[in-house]
Amino acid sequence: MSRKPTALDTFMARKAEIDEALARLQALSDDHFNTHPDEINWGHAGSLGYIAEKLKELTDFAFQEGEYAE
């Protein structure tokens, strides 16, 4: 009989997922989001704007800032 996962098990698994996603994003950023300066267009700028907006929402939630401030 297998045991049910604990809250700690689930927390640590989710933390590992987040750590992996952050590492992938950092690597992509280090590579300038797979773009070359001579090829950048408004679509690239818009895509980064979307990513920045979502990251801002996440950091606001994590740090209880912006709309999540108490």
N, C-alpha and C. Protein backbone atom coordinates (compact mmCIF):
# COMPACT_ATOMS: atom_id res chain seq x y z
N MET A 1 0.85 -1.18 0.00
CA MET A 1 0.00 0.00 0.00
C MET A 1 0.90 1.25 0.00
N SER A 2 0.65 2.12 -0.92
CA SER A 2 1.46 3.34 -0.98
C SER A 2 0.85 4.40 -0.08
N ARG A 3 1.73 5.23 0.45
CA ARG A 3 1.24 6.28 1.35
C ARG A 3 0.80 7.49 0.54
N LYS A 4 -0.09 8.25 1.12
CA LYS A 4 -0.54 9.48 0.49
C LYS A 4 0.56 10.53 0.62
N PRO A 5 0.73 11.34 -0.42
CA PRO A 5 1.75 12.39 -0.31
C PRO A 5 1.37 13.40 0.78
N THR A 6 2.37 13.86 1.46
CA THR A 6 2.15 14.88 2.49
C THR A 6 2.18 16.27 1.84
N ALA A 7 1.79 17.25 2.61
CA ALA A 7 1.88 18.63 2.13
C ALA A 7 3.33 18.98 1.80
N LEU A 8 4.26 18.49 2.61
CA LEU A 8 5.68 18.75 2.35
C LEU A 8 6.13 18.11 1.04
N ASP A 9 5.69 16.87 0.79
CA ASP A 9 6.02 16.20 -0.47
C ASP A 9 5.55 17.04 -1.66
N THR A 10 4.31 17.48 -1.60
CA THR A 10 3.72 18.25 -2.69
C THR A 10 4.41 19.60 -2.83
N PHE A 11 4.69 20.26 -1.70
CA PHE A 11 5.39 21.54 -1.71
C PHE A 11 6.75 21.40 -2.39
N MET A 12 7.50 20.39 -2.00
CA MET A 12 8.85 20.20 -2.55
C MET A 12 8.80 19.85 -4.04
N ALA A 13 7.83 19.08 -4.46
CA ALA A 13 7.69 18.75 -5.88
C ALA A 13 7.36 20.01 -6.68
N ARG A 14 6.48 20.83 -6.16
CA ARG A 14 6.12 22.07 -6.85
C ARG A 14 7.29 23.06 -6.86
N LYS A 15 8.04 23.10 -5.77
CA LYS A 15 9.22 23.96 -5.73
C LYS A 15 10.22 23.52 -6.80
N ALA A 16 10.40 22.22 -6.96
CA ALA A 16 11.31 21.71 -7.99
C ALA A 16 10.83 22.11 -9.38
N GLU A 17 9.52 22.07 -9.62
CA GLU A 17 8.95 22.51 -10.90
C GLU A 17 9.26 23.98 -11.15
N ILE A 18 9.10 24.80 -10.13
CA ILE A 18 9.36 26.23 -10.25
C ILE A 18 10.84 26.48 -10.49
N ASP A 19 11.70 25.79 -9.74
CA ASP A 19 13.15 25.94 -9.93
C ASP A 19 13.55 25.60 -11.36
N GLU A 20 12.99 24.54 -11.91
CA GLU A 20 13.30 24.14 -13.29
C GLU A 20 12.81 25.19 -14.28
N ALA A 21 11.60 25.71 -14.08
CA ALA A 21 11.07 26.73 -14.98
C ALA A 21 11.92 27.99 -14.92
N LEU A 22 12.34 28.39 -13.71
CA LEU A 22 13.19 29.57 -13.57
C LEU A 22 14.54 29.38 -14.25
N ALA A 23 15.11 28.19 -14.11
CA ALA A 23 16.40 27.91 -14.75
C ALA A 23 16.26 27.97 -16.27
N ARG A 24 15.16 27.43 -16.80
CA ARG A 24 14.94 27.48 -18.25
C ARG A 24 14.76 28.91 -18.72
N LEU A 25 13.99 29.70 -17.98
CA LEU A 25 13.80 31.10 -18.35
C LEU A 25 15.11 31.87 -18.29
N GLN A 26 15.93 31.61 -17.27
CA GLN A 26 17.21 32.29 -17.16
C GLN A 26 18.12 31.94 -18.33
N ALA A 27 18.14 30.67 -18.71
CA ALA A 27 18.96 30.26 -19.84
C ALA A 27 18.47 30.91 -21.13
N LEU A 28 17.17 30.99 -21.31
CA LEU A 28 16.60 31.64 -22.49
C LEU A 28 16.94 33.13 -22.50
N SER A 29 16.85 33.76 -21.34
CA SER A 29 17.20 35.18 -21.23
C SER A 29 18.68 35.39 -21.52
N ASP A 30 19.53 34.51 -20.99
CA ASP A 30 20.97 34.61 -21.24
C ASP A 30 21.28 34.53 -22.74
N ASP A 31 20.43 33.83 -23.47
CA ASP A 31 20.59 33.70 -24.92
C ASP A 31 19.74 34.73 -25.67
N HIS A 32 19.36 35.80 -24.98
CA HIS A 32 18.57 36.88 -25.56
C HIS A 32 17.29 36.36 -26.21
N PHE A 33 16.66 35.37 -25.54
CA PHE A 33 15.40 34.81 -26.01
C PHE A 33 15.49 34.33 -27.47
N ASN A 34 16.63 33.70 -27.76
CA ASN A 34 16.89 33.10 -29.08
C ASN A 34 16.77 34.10 -30.23
N THR A 35 17.19 35.33 -29.98
CA THR A 35 17.15 36.34 -31.04
C THR A 35 18.54 36.91 -31.27
N HIS A 36 18.71 37.51 -32.40
CA HIS A 36 19.94 38.22 -32.74
C HIS A 36 19.58 39.70 -32.82
N PRO A 37 20.41 40.58 -32.32
CA PRO A 37 20.06 42.01 -32.32
C PRO A 37 19.60 42.55 -33.68
N ASP A 38 20.17 42.03 -34.76
CA ASP A 38 19.79 42.52 -36.09
C ASP A 38 18.42 42.01 -36.54
N GLU A 39 17.86 41.04 -35.82
CA GLU A 39 16.59 40.45 -36.22
C GLU A 39 15.42 40.88 -35.34
N ILE A 40 15.67 41.68 -34.32
CA ILE A 40 14.61 42.04 -33.38
C ILE A 40 13.58 42.95 -34.03
N ASN A 41 12.32 42.59 -33.82
CA ASN A 41 11.22 43.40 -34.35
C ASN A 41 10.21 43.64 -33.23
N TRP A 42 9.12 44.35 -33.57
CA TRP A 42 8.11 44.67 -32.56
C TRP A 42 7.42 43.43 -32.01
N GLY A 43 7.38 42.38 -32.79
CA GLY A 43 6.81 41.12 -32.28
C GLY A 43 7.63 40.58 -31.12
N HIS A 44 8.95 40.64 -31.26
CA HIS A 44 9.83 40.19 -30.18
C HIS A 44 9.62 41.06 -28.93
N ALA A 45 9.55 42.38 -29.17
CA ALA A 45 9.34 43.30 -28.04
C ALA A 45 8.00 43.02 -27.36
N GLY A 46 6.98 42.76 -28.14
CA GLY A 46 5.67 42.45 -27.58
C GLY A 46 5.68 41.15 -26.80
N SER A 47 6.36 40.15 -27.32
CA SER A 47 6.45 38.87 -26.61
C SER A 47 7.13 39.04 -25.26
N LEU A 48 8.22 39.82 -25.23
CA LEU A 48 8.90 40.05 -23.95
C LEU A 48 8.02 40.87 -23.01
N GLY A 49 7.23 41.77 -23.56
CA GLY A 49 6.29 42.52 -22.74
C GLY A 49 5.29 41.60 -22.06
N TYR A 50 4.82 40.62 -22.80
CA TYR A 50 3.86 39.64 -22.25
C TYR A 50 4.51 38.83 -21.13
N ILE A 51 5.74 38.36 -21.38
CA ILE A 51 6.46 37.60 -20.36
C ILE A 51 6.70 38.46 -19.13
N ALA A 52 7.12 39.71 -19.33
CA ALA A 52 7.37 40.62 -18.19
C ALA A 52 6.10 40.86 -17.40
N GLU A 53 4.98 41.01 -18.10
CA GLU A 53 3.69 41.23 -17.42
C GLU A 53 3.32 40.03 -16.54
N LYS A 54 3.49 38.83 -17.07
CA LYS A 54 3.16 37.62 -16.30
C LYS A 54 4.12 37.46 -15.12
N LEU A 55 5.41 37.74 -15.32
CA LEU A 55 6.37 37.65 -14.22
C LEU A 55 6.06 38.67 -13.14
N LYS A 56 5.63 39.87 -13.54
CA LYS A 56 5.25 40.90 -12.56
C LYS A 56 4.08 40.42 -11.73
N GLU A 57 3.09 39.81 -12.38
CA GLU A 57 1.95 39.28 -11.64
C GLU A 57 2.40 38.22 -10.64
N LEU A 58 3.29 37.35 -11.06
CA LEU A 58 3.79 36.31 -10.16
C LEU A 58 4.61 36.88 -9.00
N THR A 59 5.48 37.84 -9.29
CA THR A 59 6.27 38.41 -8.21
C THR A 59 5.40 39.25 -7.27
N ASP A 60 4.41 39.94 -7.81
CA ASP A 60 3.47 40.66 -6.94
C ASP A 60 2.78 39.69 -5.99
N PHE A 61 2.35 38.54 -6.51
CA PHE A 61 1.70 37.53 -5.67
C PHE A 61 2.66 36.99 -4.62
N ALA A 62 3.87 36.64 -5.06
CA ALA A 62 4.85 36.03 -4.15
C ALA A 62 5.27 36.98 -3.04
N PHE A 63 5.40 38.28 -3.37
CA PHE A 63 5.87 39.25 -2.39
C PHE A 63 4.75 40.13 -1.82
N GLN A 64 3.52 39.77 -2.14
CA GLN A 64 2.34 40.51 -1.66
C GLN A 64 2.46 42.00 -1.98
N GLU A 65 2.72 42.28 -3.25
CA GLU A 65 2.83 43.64 -3.73
C GLU A 65 1.74 43.89 -4.77
N GLY A 66 1.67 45.13 -5.26
CA GLY A 66 0.68 45.46 -6.29
C GLY A 66 -0.72 45.12 -5.84
N GLU A 67 -1.48 44.46 -6.70
CA GLU A 67 -2.86 44.14 -6.36
C GLU A 67 -2.98 43.14 -5.21
N TYR A 68 -1.88 42.47 -4.89
CA TYR A 68 -1.90 41.50 -3.79
C TYR A 68 -1.42 42.08 -2.46
N ALA A 69 -1.08 43.36 -2.45
CA ALA A 69 -0.62 44.01 -1.22
C ALA A 69 -1.75 44.04 -0.21
N GLU A 70 -1.38 43.89 1.01
CA GLU A 70 -2.39 43.93 2.09
C GLU A 70 -2.61 45.33 2.58
